Protein backbone atom coordinates (compact mmCIF):
# COMPACT_ATOMS: atom_id res chain seq x y z
CA MET A 1 121.34 293.70 142.92
CA ASN A 2 118.12 292.11 144.30
CA ASN A 3 116.00 293.24 141.33
CA VAL A 4 118.23 289.92 139.48
CA LYS A 5 115.49 287.87 138.40
CA GLU A 6 116.13 283.96 140.62
CA GLN A 7 118.16 281.35 137.24
CA ASN A 8 116.52 277.77 137.37
CA PRO A 9 118.83 275.11 137.47
CA PRO A 10 119.64 274.05 134.14
CA THR A 11 117.91 271.31 132.11
CA GLN A 12 120.31 269.32 131.67
CA VAL A 13 123.13 267.65 133.81
CA GLN A 14 126.48 269.18 132.85
CA THR A 15 129.41 266.05 132.59
CA SER A 16 131.01 267.72 129.90
CA VAL A 17 134.50 268.97 131.07
CA MET A 18 134.47 272.11 130.06
CA ILE A 19 137.34 274.11 132.01
CA GLU A 20 140.05 271.95 134.24
CA ALA A 21 142.21 273.52 136.73
CA LYS A 22 145.57 271.50 137.81
CA ASP A 23 147.93 272.93 140.45
CA LEU A 24 147.99 276.46 138.65
CA ALA A 25 150.40 278.38 140.10
CA LYS A 26 151.48 281.75 138.43
CA THR A 27 154.89 283.87 140.15
CA TYR A 28 155.29 287.73 138.41
CA GLN A 29 159.34 288.48 138.99
CA LEU A 30 159.59 291.82 140.42
CA GLY A 31 163.32 292.85 140.35
CA THR A 32 164.75 290.24 142.57
CA VAL A 33 161.36 290.04 144.36
CA GLU A 34 159.65 286.24 143.21
CA VAL A 35 155.80 287.72 144.22
CA PRO A 36 153.53 284.69 144.28
CA ALA A 37 150.24 285.91 142.63
CA LEU A 38 148.72 282.16 142.68
CA CYS A 39 149.70 278.92 144.28
CA GLY A 40 147.87 275.89 143.01
CA VAL A 41 144.38 275.60 142.66
CA SER A 42 142.04 273.09 141.13
CA PHE A 43 139.11 272.23 140.10
CA GLN A 44 136.26 272.67 137.75
CA ILE A 45 133.94 273.99 135.41
CA GLN A 46 131.88 272.33 133.20
CA ARG A 47 129.96 272.90 129.68
CA GLY A 48 126.96 275.37 130.67
CA GLU A 49 127.34 276.30 134.74
CA ALA A 50 127.40 279.73 135.63
CA ILE A 51 131.04 280.77 137.91
CA ALA A 52 131.54 282.93 139.75
CA ILE A 53 134.66 283.88 140.77
CA MET A 54 135.46 285.56 144.47
CA GLY A 55 138.34 287.39 146.41
CA GLN A 56 139.49 290.43 148.06
CA SER A 57 142.07 292.20 146.44
CA GLY A 58 144.94 290.64 145.62
CA SER A 59 143.15 287.85 146.54
CA GLY A 60 144.26 285.73 143.31
CA LYS A 61 140.61 286.25 140.69
CA SER A 62 142.75 288.35 138.09
CA THR A 63 145.33 286.30 137.75
CA LEU A 64 143.43 283.53 137.75
CA MET A 65 140.02 285.32 134.75
CA ASN A 66 143.64 285.60 133.29
CA LEU A 67 144.92 281.69 132.98
CA LEU A 68 141.28 281.39 132.36
CA GLY A 69 141.45 283.59 129.36
CA CYS A 70 144.18 282.27 127.65
CA LEU A 71 146.32 286.28 128.49
CA ASP A 72 148.93 284.59 130.36
CA LEU A 73 150.55 281.17 131.11
CA PRO A 74 150.80 280.03 134.77
CA SER A 75 154.49 278.92 136.44
CA ARG A 76 153.35 275.83 137.53
CA GLY A 77 150.69 273.36 136.30
CA GLU A 78 148.11 272.56 133.85
CA TYR A 79 144.96 274.06 132.44
CA TRP A 80 143.01 272.76 130.20
CA PHE A 81 140.76 274.40 128.27
CA ASN A 82 138.15 272.19 126.16
CA GLY A 83 140.56 269.33 126.35
CA GLN A 84 142.79 270.76 124.66
CA ASN A 85 146.94 271.04 126.95
CA ILE A 86 146.63 275.31 126.79
CA ALA A 87 150.51 275.54 127.71
CA LEU A 88 151.29 273.65 124.41
CA LEU A 89 149.51 276.02 121.55
CA SER A 90 151.76 278.40 119.50
CA ASP A 91 151.41 281.87 119.77
CA ASP A 92 149.25 282.22 117.27
CA GLU A 93 147.48 279.36 117.67
CA LEU A 94 146.23 280.94 121.39
CA ALA A 95 145.06 284.06 119.74
CA ALA A 96 142.26 282.01 117.87
CA VAL A 97 140.95 280.57 121.37
CA ARG A 98 140.81 283.41 122.21
CA ASN A 99 139.21 284.79 119.24
CA LYS A 100 136.77 282.52 119.00
CA ARG A 101 136.13 280.49 121.72
CA ILE A 102 136.34 283.19 124.46
CA GLY A 103 134.51 286.08 124.59
CA PHE A 104 135.44 288.87 127.17
CA VAL A 105 133.60 292.18 129.07
CA PHE A 106 135.02 294.19 130.75
CA GLN A 107 134.84 296.14 133.59
CA GLN A 108 135.38 299.16 131.72
CA PHE A 109 133.14 298.56 128.31
CA ASN A 110 136.69 299.74 126.01
CA LEU A 111 133.98 300.38 122.86
CA LEU A 112 135.36 302.15 119.75
CA SER A 113 133.58 305.77 120.39
CA ARG A 114 134.71 307.24 117.19
CA THR A 115 132.79 304.76 114.76
CA THR A 116 128.70 302.92 115.58
CA ILE A 117 128.14 300.85 118.32
CA LEU A 118 127.31 298.30 114.65
CA ARG A 119 131.00 298.61 113.92
CA ASN A 120 132.26 297.43 117.57
CA VAL A 121 131.07 294.64 116.92
CA GLU A 122 132.01 293.51 114.01
CA MET A 123 135.49 294.21 114.67
CA PRO A 124 136.36 290.37 116.18
CA LEU A 125 134.37 288.73 113.12
CA THR A 126 136.90 291.35 110.32
CA TYR A 127 140.21 288.86 111.99
CA ALA A 128 137.68 285.68 112.25
CA ARG A 129 138.09 283.12 109.08
CA ASN A 130 137.05 281.01 107.68
CA GLY A 131 138.54 276.99 107.36
CA ASP A 132 140.21 277.71 104.32
CA GLY A 133 141.27 280.93 105.04
CA THR A 134 138.62 283.62 103.77
CA PRO A 135 136.94 286.93 105.68
CA LEU A 136 133.68 285.17 107.22
CA GLN A 137 131.05 286.77 104.41
CA ASP A 138 128.33 287.01 107.19
CA ILE A 139 130.18 290.23 109.40
CA ARG A 140 127.11 293.24 108.98
CA PRO A 141 123.98 290.20 109.06
CA ARG A 142 125.63 289.08 112.69
CA ALA A 143 126.26 291.68 113.65
CA GLU A 144 122.90 292.66 113.08
CA ALA A 145 122.01 290.36 115.18
CA MET A 146 123.48 291.07 118.38
CA LEU A 147 122.73 293.76 118.98
CA ARG A 148 118.97 292.63 118.81
CA ALA A 149 119.54 289.92 121.10
CA VAL A 150 121.01 292.68 123.79
CA GLY A 151 118.18 295.03 122.85
CA LEU A 152 119.49 297.42 120.86
CA GLY A 153 118.87 296.95 117.90
CA ASP A 154 117.47 300.51 117.27
CA ARG A 155 120.46 301.49 117.82
CA MET A 156 123.19 299.77 116.09
CA LYS A 157 123.79 303.09 113.61
CA HIS A 158 124.63 305.41 117.48
CA ARG A 159 127.77 305.50 118.90
CA PRO A 160 129.09 304.78 122.11
CA THR A 161 129.40 308.08 123.48
CA GLU A 162 124.98 308.42 122.94
CA LEU A 163 124.52 305.63 124.62
CA SER A 164 123.78 305.00 128.30
CA GLY A 165 126.71 302.45 130.54
CA GLY A 166 123.94 300.02 130.76
CA GLN A 167 123.53 300.28 126.69
CA GLN A 168 127.24 300.27 126.37
CA GLN A 169 128.02 297.29 127.85
CA ARG A 170 125.32 295.44 126.09
CA VAL A 171 127.67 296.86 123.15
CA ALA A 172 129.69 294.77 124.46
CA ILE A 173 128.53 291.55 125.49
CA ALA A 174 127.09 291.65 121.53
CA ARG A 175 130.54 292.02 121.50
CA ALA A 176 132.06 288.89 123.07
CA LEU A 177 128.90 287.44 122.25
CA VAL A 178 129.50 288.44 117.99
CA ASN A 179 132.43 285.16 117.47
CA GLU A 180 129.46 282.95 118.81
CA PRO A 181 132.20 281.44 122.16
CA ASP A 182 132.30 278.61 124.27
CA LEU A 183 132.86 280.44 127.12
CA ILE A 184 132.09 284.30 128.28
CA LEU A 185 135.11 286.04 131.36
CA ALA A 186 133.33 288.67 132.30
CA ASP A 187 135.27 290.95 135.28
CA GLU A 188 132.84 293.19 136.83
CA PRO A 189 130.38 293.54 134.25
CA THR A 190 128.18 295.75 136.98
CA GLY A 191 131.14 298.00 138.50
CA ASN A 192 130.54 301.36 136.08
CA LEU A 193 127.14 300.83 137.46
CA ASP A 194 124.14 301.49 138.94
CA SER A 195 122.74 298.50 141.02
CA HIS A 196 118.62 298.68 138.66
CA THR A 197 121.58 298.31 135.59
CA GLY A 198 124.17 295.80 136.80
CA ALA A 199 120.47 293.61 137.61
CA GLU A 200 119.44 294.39 134.19
CA ILE A 201 122.92 292.83 132.55
CA MET A 202 123.66 290.18 134.70
CA ASN A 203 119.65 289.25 134.07
CA LEU A 204 121.39 289.09 130.50
CA LEU A 205 123.91 287.22 131.08
CA LEU A 206 122.04 284.58 133.00
CA ARG A 207 119.13 284.42 130.55
CA LEU A 208 122.47 284.06 128.08
CA ASN A 209 123.88 281.14 129.70
CA GLN A 210 120.63 279.56 129.58
CA GLU A 211 119.16 280.08 126.94
CA GLN A 212 122.95 279.05 124.65
CA ASN A 213 124.58 276.96 126.54
CA LEU A 214 127.43 279.03 126.93
CA THR A 215 129.64 278.44 129.44
CA LEU A 216 129.61 282.05 131.82
CA VAL A 217 132.40 282.64 134.55
CA ILE A 218 132.21 286.52 136.34
CA VAL A 219 134.99 287.60 138.52
CA THR A 220 133.16 289.55 140.93
CA HIS A 221 133.90 291.18 144.38
CA ASP A 222 130.12 291.02 145.10
CA THR A 223 127.58 289.39 146.74
CA SER A 224 124.71 289.48 145.63
CA ILE A 225 125.94 289.28 141.93
CA ALA A 226 128.20 285.83 143.16
CA ARG A 227 124.72 284.67 144.85
CA HIS A 228 122.28 284.23 141.40
CA THR A 229 125.59 281.93 140.19
CA GLN A 230 125.42 278.06 140.18
CA ARG A 231 128.98 278.45 142.14
CA THR A 232 131.34 280.19 143.81
CA ILE A 233 134.48 279.78 143.70
CA ARG A 234 136.19 281.89 146.71
CA LEU A 235 140.09 283.07 146.97
CA ARG A 236 142.40 284.63 149.67
CA ASP A 237 145.94 284.93 149.56
CA GLY A 238 146.11 282.71 145.88
CA LEU A 239 144.21 279.53 147.36
CA ILE A 240 141.18 278.40 146.75
CA GLU A 241 139.32 279.62 150.41
CA GLU A 242 135.85 277.72 149.70
CA MET A 243 134.61 275.75 146.47
């Protein structure tokens, strides 16, 4: 990842806390055995920060990402997102947070191969609703604009199988951004890419972080990825080893 461009620090000091974890812990029940995956972590992430979460396999980083993405609830502690205590939200409210406020980018692109990339990017918008409950009317223009923003304006009618791995990841990023989320969670976003293409994807994510003031959290085991973010939260055995 040596080709990842160095990013200048944000020109404005971020003072608004987007994420606050207070003694977050998660224990899974496997039969009669309790398996602690996260053992009580506390930290804050400011709006507009780019953060890396690192750790070896079994360190708790995937569990932490699931909690930050409102895909799971903690066994102990509190998770505050945009001033809301996530544990107090209903299932419908949690679904709305995931759909409208958080964008997910995964190592596996998770694209629908039988339809165009434009339809793939439109998909999150088809589940969104305006305040009065009516469907959004600007689905197609927003999806097209997002694909142009990631450099795929000339490929909208192509299917994912007609694109390279890096282009497919760009589609996944466009899909994550189309609902204009506050937070992007990226889980090993360059893991299936060669070093050159991975550097391009990282440059894209970091550019979006700066230009759109998006909060970016990247889960990775790659130190060359982490060193281009503003901070690294390093986990070991379910605890924060370094921050």
